[in-house]
């Protein structure tokens, strides 16, 4: 009569746990920083929206034959203009661009600073156009504070 055993041996269980531990040690660091990368991507998206809004406001002002400092109306919102582009004073670029107020905010620092509400050091700045021949300066996203 032969004896039939069922289940795993202790060695087999230890090997499986060891392999899972190695996989976790290799895979876990790849997924740890996804939140920071998502914040950077969101800020880069907002920066692109700000660039588009400045171009749209300038084109609208030009098409309507307005002077460089006359306000324009974009989708019912009045946008103050400076040298043909949205100004940093409210309602300026903050009214021209549509963004999620629960995620992003603005501050009157170095022109207009767009920032994450959760991480205010994850930001970029918008400086009004100094001349009608130059577009506004839109800084790069400060990614150090996004993690």
C-alpha atoms as a PDB file:
ATOM      1  CA  UNK A   1       0.000   0.000   0.000  1.00  0.00           C
ATOM      2  CA  UNK A   2       1.464   3.369  -1.021  1.00  0.00           C
ATOM      3  CA  UNK A   3       1.001   6.447   0.997  1.00  0.00           C
ATOM      4  CA  UNK A   4      -0.093   9.515  -0.965  1.00  0.00           C
ATOM      5  CA  UNK A   5       0.819  12.952   0.400  1.00  0.00           C
ATOM      6  CA  UNK A   6      -0.903  16.169  -0.491  1.00  0.00           C
ATOM      7  CA  UNK A   7       0.241  19.772  -0.190  1.00  0.00           C
ATOM      8  CA  UNK A   8       3.583  21.492  -0.386  1.00  0.00           C
ATOM      9  CA  UNK A   9       6.760  20.778   1.480  1.00  0.00           C
ATOM     10  CA  UNK A  10       8.360  23.368   3.703  1.00  0.00           C
ATOM     11  CA  UNK A  11      11.191  23.852   1.192  1.00  0.00           C
ATOM     12  CA  UNK A  12       8.752  24.573  -1.629  1.00  0.00           C
ATOM     13  CA  UNK A  13       6.912  27.176   0.468  1.00  0.00           C
ATOM     14  CA  UNK A  14      10.171  28.894   1.442  1.00  0.00           C
ATOM     15  CA  UNK A  15      11.284  29.043  -2.207  1.00  0.00           C
ATOM     16  CA  UNK A  16       7.953  30.616  -3.265  1.00  0.00           C
ATOM     17  CA  UNK A  17       8.135  33.206  -0.474  1.00  0.00           C
ATOM     18  CA  UNK A  18      11.738  34.004  -1.407  1.00  0.00           C
ATOM     19  CA  UNK A  19      10.843  34.499  -5.095  1.00  0.00           C
ATOM     20  CA  UNK A  20       7.894  36.749  -4.161  1.00  0.00           C
ATOM     21  CA  UNK A  21      10.163  38.777  -1.882  1.00  0.00           C
ATOM     22  CA  UNK A  22      12.704  39.287  -4.653  1.00  0.00           C
ATOM     23  CA  UNK A  23       9.979  40.359  -7.086  1.00  0.00           C
ATOM     24  CA  UNK A  24       8.544  42.806  -4.557  1.00  0.00           C
ATOM     25  CA  UNK A  25      11.964  44.307  -3.878  1.00  0.00           C
ATOM     26  CA  UNK A  26      12.525  44.885  -7.590  1.00  0.00           C
ATOM     27  CA  UNK A  27       9.026  46.013  -8.598  1.00  0.00           C
ATOM     28  CA  UNK A  28       8.042  48.206  -5.620  1.00  0.00           C
ATOM     29  CA  UNK A  29      10.493  51.086  -6.251  1.00  0.00           C
ATOM     30  CA  UNK A  30       9.151  51.453  -9.786  1.00  0.00           C
ATOM     31  CA  UNK A  31       5.673  52.304  -8.470  1.00  0.00           C
ATOM     32  CA  UNK A  32       6.581  54.391  -5.429  1.00  0.00           C
ATOM     33  CA  UNK A  33       7.018  57.739  -7.236  1.00  0.00           C
ATOM     34  CA  UNK A  34       3.900  57.649  -9.429  1.00  0.00           C
ATOM     35  CA  UNK A  35       2.223  60.430  -7.447  1.00  0.00           C
ATOM     36  CA  UNK A  36       5.076  62.841  -8.091  1.00  0.00           C
ATOM     37  CA  UNK A  37       5.094  61.975 -11.787  1.00  0.00           C
ATOM     38  CA  UNK A  38       1.329  62.524 -11.948  1.00  0.00           C
ATOM     39  CA  UNK A  39       1.689  65.969 -10.351  1.00  0.00           C
ATOM     40  CA  UNK A  40       4.417  66.911 -12.843  1.00  0.00           C
ATOM     41  CA  UNK A  41       2.249  65.750 -15.750  1.00  0.00           C
ATOM     42  CA  UNK A  42      -0.737  67.726 -14.419  1.00  0.00           C
ATOM     43  CA  UNK A  43       1.368  70.891 -14.040  1.00  0.00           C
ATOM     44  CA  UNK A  44       2.781  70.472 -17.559  1.00  0.00           C
ATOM     45  CA  UNK A  45      -0.786  70.133 -18.828  1.00  0.00           C
ATOM     46  CA  UNK A  46      -1.820  73.306 -17.021  1.00  0.00           C
ATOM     47  CA  UNK A  47       1.221  75.103 -18.421  1.00  0.00           C
ATOM     48  CA  UNK A  48       0.181  74.103 -21.943  1.00  0.00           C
ATOM     49  CA  UNK A  49      -3.358  75.345 -21.226  1.00  0.00           C
ATOM     50  CA  UNK A  50      -1.923  78.708 -20.095  1.00  0.00           C
ATOM     51  CA  UNK A  51       0.109  78.961 -23.320  1.00  0.00           C
ATOM     52  CA  UNK A  52      -2.993  78.187 -25.389  1.00  0.00           C
ATOM     53  CA  UNK A  53      -5.083  80.716 -23.457  1.00  0.00           C
ATOM     54  CA  UNK A  54      -2.534  83.491 -24.060  1.00  0.00           C
ATOM     55  CA  UNK A  55      -2.479  82.742 -27.776  1.00  0.00           C
ATOM     56  CA  UNK A  56      -6.283  82.599 -27.949  1.00  0.00           C
ATOM     57  CA  UNK A  57      -6.718  85.886 -26.067  1.00  0.00           C
ATOM     58  CA  UNK A  58      -4.149  87.623 -28.277  1.00  0.00           C
ATOM     59  CA  UNK A  59      -5.795  86.312 -31.453  1.00  0.00           C
ATOM     60  CA  UNK A  60      -9.236  87.348 -30.200  1.00  0.00           C
ATOM     61  CA  UNK A  61      -8.046  90.858 -29.379  1.00  0.00           C
ATOM     62  CA  UNK A  62      -6.378  91.200 -32.781  1.00  0.00           C
ATOM     63  CA  UNK A  63      -9.416  89.833 -34.649  1.00  0.00           C
ATOM     64  CA  UNK A  64     -11.730  92.298 -32.881  1.00  0.00           C
ATOM     65  CA  UNK A  65      -9.430  95.231 -33.717  1.00  0.00           C
ATOM     66  CA  UNK A  66      -8.950  96.200 -30.070  1.00  0.00           C
ATOM     67  CA  UNK A  67      -5.973  98.133 -28.726  1.00  0.00           C
ATOM     68  CA  UNK A  68      -3.208  96.337 -26.840  1.00  0.00           C
ATOM     69  CA  UNK A  69      -4.611  97.055 -23.357  1.00  0.00           C
ATOM     70  CA  UNK A  70      -8.347  96.616 -24.001  1.00  0.00           C
ATOM     71  CA  UNK A  71     -10.090  93.729 -22.243  1.00  0.00           C
ATOM     72  CA  UNK A  72     -11.554  90.821 -24.194  1.00  0.00           C
ATOM     73  CA  UNK A  73     -14.373  88.451 -23.331  1.00  0.00           C
ATOM     74  CA  UNK A  74     -13.663  84.732 -23.541  1.00  0.00           C
ATOM     75  CA  UNK A  75     -16.692  82.467 -23.039  1.00  0.00           C
ATOM     76  CA  UNK A  76     -18.443  85.116 -20.955  1.00  0.00           C
ATOM     77  CA  UNK A  77     -15.417  85.928 -18.783  1.00  0.00           C
ATOM     78  CA  UNK A  78     -13.735  89.329 -19.020  1.00  0.00           C
ATOM     79  CA  UNK A  79      -9.964  89.071 -19.379  1.00  0.00           C
ATOM     80  CA  UNK A  80      -7.758  92.094 -18.658  1.00  0.00           C
ATOM     81  CA  UNK A  81      -5.003  92.492 -21.232  1.00  0.00           C
ATOM     82  CA  UNK A  82      -1.504  93.965 -21.041  1.00  0.00           C
ATOM     83  CA  UNK A  83       0.398  94.613 -24.279  1.00  0.00           C
ATOM     84  CA  UNK A  84      -1.916  92.315 -26.226  1.00  0.00           C
ATOM     85  CA  UNK A  85      -1.801  89.341 -23.831  1.00  0.00           C
ATOM     86  CA  UNK A  86      -3.638  88.432 -20.597  1.00  0.00           C
ATOM     87  CA  UNK A  87      -2.415  90.396 -17.598  1.00  0.00           C
ATOM     88  CA  UNK A  88      -1.275  89.028 -14.255  1.00  0.00           C
ATOM     89  CA  UNK A  89      -3.897  91.043 -12.390  1.00  0.00           C
ATOM     90  CA  UNK A  90      -7.246  89.391 -11.854  1.00  0.00           C
ATOM     91  CA  UNK A  91      -9.231  88.838 -14.024  1.00  0.00           C
ATOM     92  CA  UNK A  92      -6.352  88.199 -16.365  1.00  0.00           C
ATOM     93  CA  UNK A  93      -4.670  84.942 -17.229  1.00  0.00           C
ATOM     94  CA  UNK A  94      -6.505  83.275 -14.345  1.00  0.00           C
ATOM     95  CA  UNK A  95      -9.813  84.058 -16.089  1.00  0.00           C
ATOM     96  CA  UNK A  96      -8.559  83.157 -19.568  1.00  0.00           C
ATOM     97  CA  UNK A  97      -7.504  79.622 -18.641  1.00  0.00           C
ATOM     98  CA  UNK A  98      -9.915  77.077 -17.231  1.00  0.00           C
ATOM     99  CA  UNK A  99      -8.491  74.855 -14.504  1.00  0.00           C
ATOM    100  CA  UNK A 100      -9.754  72.699 -11.664  1.00  0.00           C
ATOM    101  CA  UNK A 101      -9.854  74.969  -8.614  1.00  0.00           C
ATOM    102  CA  UNK A 102      -9.882  71.932  -6.317  1.00  0.00           C
ATOM    103  CA  UNK A 103      -6.460  70.868  -7.651  1.00  0.00           C
ATOM    104  CA  UNK A 104      -4.721  74.094  -8.690  1.00  0.00           C
ATOM    105  CA  UNK A 105      -4.522  77.618  -7.313  1.00  0.00           C
ATOM    106  CA  UNK A 106      -2.886  80.905  -8.239  1.00  0.00           C
ATOM    107  CA  UNK A 107      -0.799  83.335  -6.225  1.00  0.00           C
ATOM    108  CA  UNK A 108       0.378  86.840  -7.042  1.00  0.00           C
ATOM    109  CA  UNK A 109       4.058  85.967  -6.682  1.00  0.00           C
ATOM    110  CA  UNK A 110       6.586  86.969  -9.373  1.00  0.00           C
ATOM    111  CA  UNK A 111       3.704  87.823 -11.702  1.00  0.00           C
ATOM    112  CA  UNK A 112       1.144  85.037 -11.445  1.00  0.00           C
ATOM    113  CA  UNK A 113       2.169  81.672 -10.012  1.00  0.00           C
ATOM    114  CA  UNK A 114       0.137  78.592 -10.845  1.00  0.00           C
ATOM    115  CA  UNK A 115       0.579  75.877  -8.223  1.00  0.00           C
ATOM    116  CA  UNK A 116      -0.755  72.598  -6.903  1.00  0.00           C
ATOM    117  CA  UNK A 117      -2.934  73.055  -3.848  1.00  0.00           C
ATOM    118  CA  UNK A 118      -1.440  69.958  -2.214  1.00  0.00           C
ATOM    119  CA  UNK A 119       2.160  70.955  -3.021  1.00  0.00           C
ATOM    120  CA  UNK A 120       2.545  74.717  -3.476  1.00  0.00           C
ATOM    121  CA  UNK A 121       6.223  74.326  -4.399  1.00  0.00           C
ATOM    122  CA  UNK A 122       5.114  72.382  -7.493  1.00  0.00           C
ATOM    123  CA  UNK A 123       4.491  75.439  -9.665  1.00  0.00           C
ATOM    124  CA  UNK A 124       5.330  77.672 -12.609  1.00  0.00           C
ATOM    125  CA  UNK A 125       5.103  81.411 -13.148  1.00  0.00           C
ATOM    126  CA  UNK A 126       3.435  83.609 -15.747  1.00  0.00           C
ATOM    127  CA  UNK A 127       4.877  87.081 -16.360  1.00  0.00           C
ATOM    128  CA  UNK A 128       2.869  89.530 -18.456  1.00  0.00           C
ATOM    129  CA  UNK A 129       4.144  90.645 -21.835  1.00  0.00           C
ATOM    130  CA  UNK A 130       6.563  93.543 -21.452  1.00  0.00           C
ATOM    131  CA  UNK A 131       6.003  94.773 -25.019  1.00  0.00           C
ATOM    132  CA  UNK A 132       3.396  94.213 -27.719  1.00  0.00           C
ATOM    133  CA  UNK A 133       6.084  92.531 -29.819  1.00  0.00           C
ATOM    134  CA  UNK A 134       6.958  89.927 -27.178  1.00  0.00           C
ATOM    135  CA  UNK A 135       4.698  87.212 -25.764  1.00  0.00           C
ATOM    136  CA  UNK A 136       4.436  86.703 -21.998  1.00  0.00           C
ATOM    137  CA  UNK A 137       7.044  84.622 -20.204  1.00  0.00           C
ATOM    138  CA  UNK A 138       5.772  81.281 -18.975  1.00  0.00           C
ATOM    139  CA  UNK A 139       8.311  79.537 -16.771  1.00  0.00           C
ATOM    140  CA  UNK A 140       9.036  75.847 -16.685  1.00  0.00           C
ATOM    141  CA  UNK A 141       7.442  73.699 -14.006  1.00  0.00           C
ATOM    142  CA  UNK A 142       9.434  73.569 -10.772  1.00  0.00           C
ATOM    143  CA  UNK A 143       9.429  69.779 -10.428  1.00  0.00           C
ATOM    144  CA  UNK A 144      11.506  69.519  -7.252  1.00  0.00           C
ATOM    145  CA  UNK A 145       8.469  70.235  -5.080  1.00  0.00           C
ATOM    146  CA  UNK A 146       6.100  67.840  -6.870  1.00  0.00           C
ATOM    147  CA  UNK A 147       7.080  64.628  -5.066  1.00  0.00           C
END
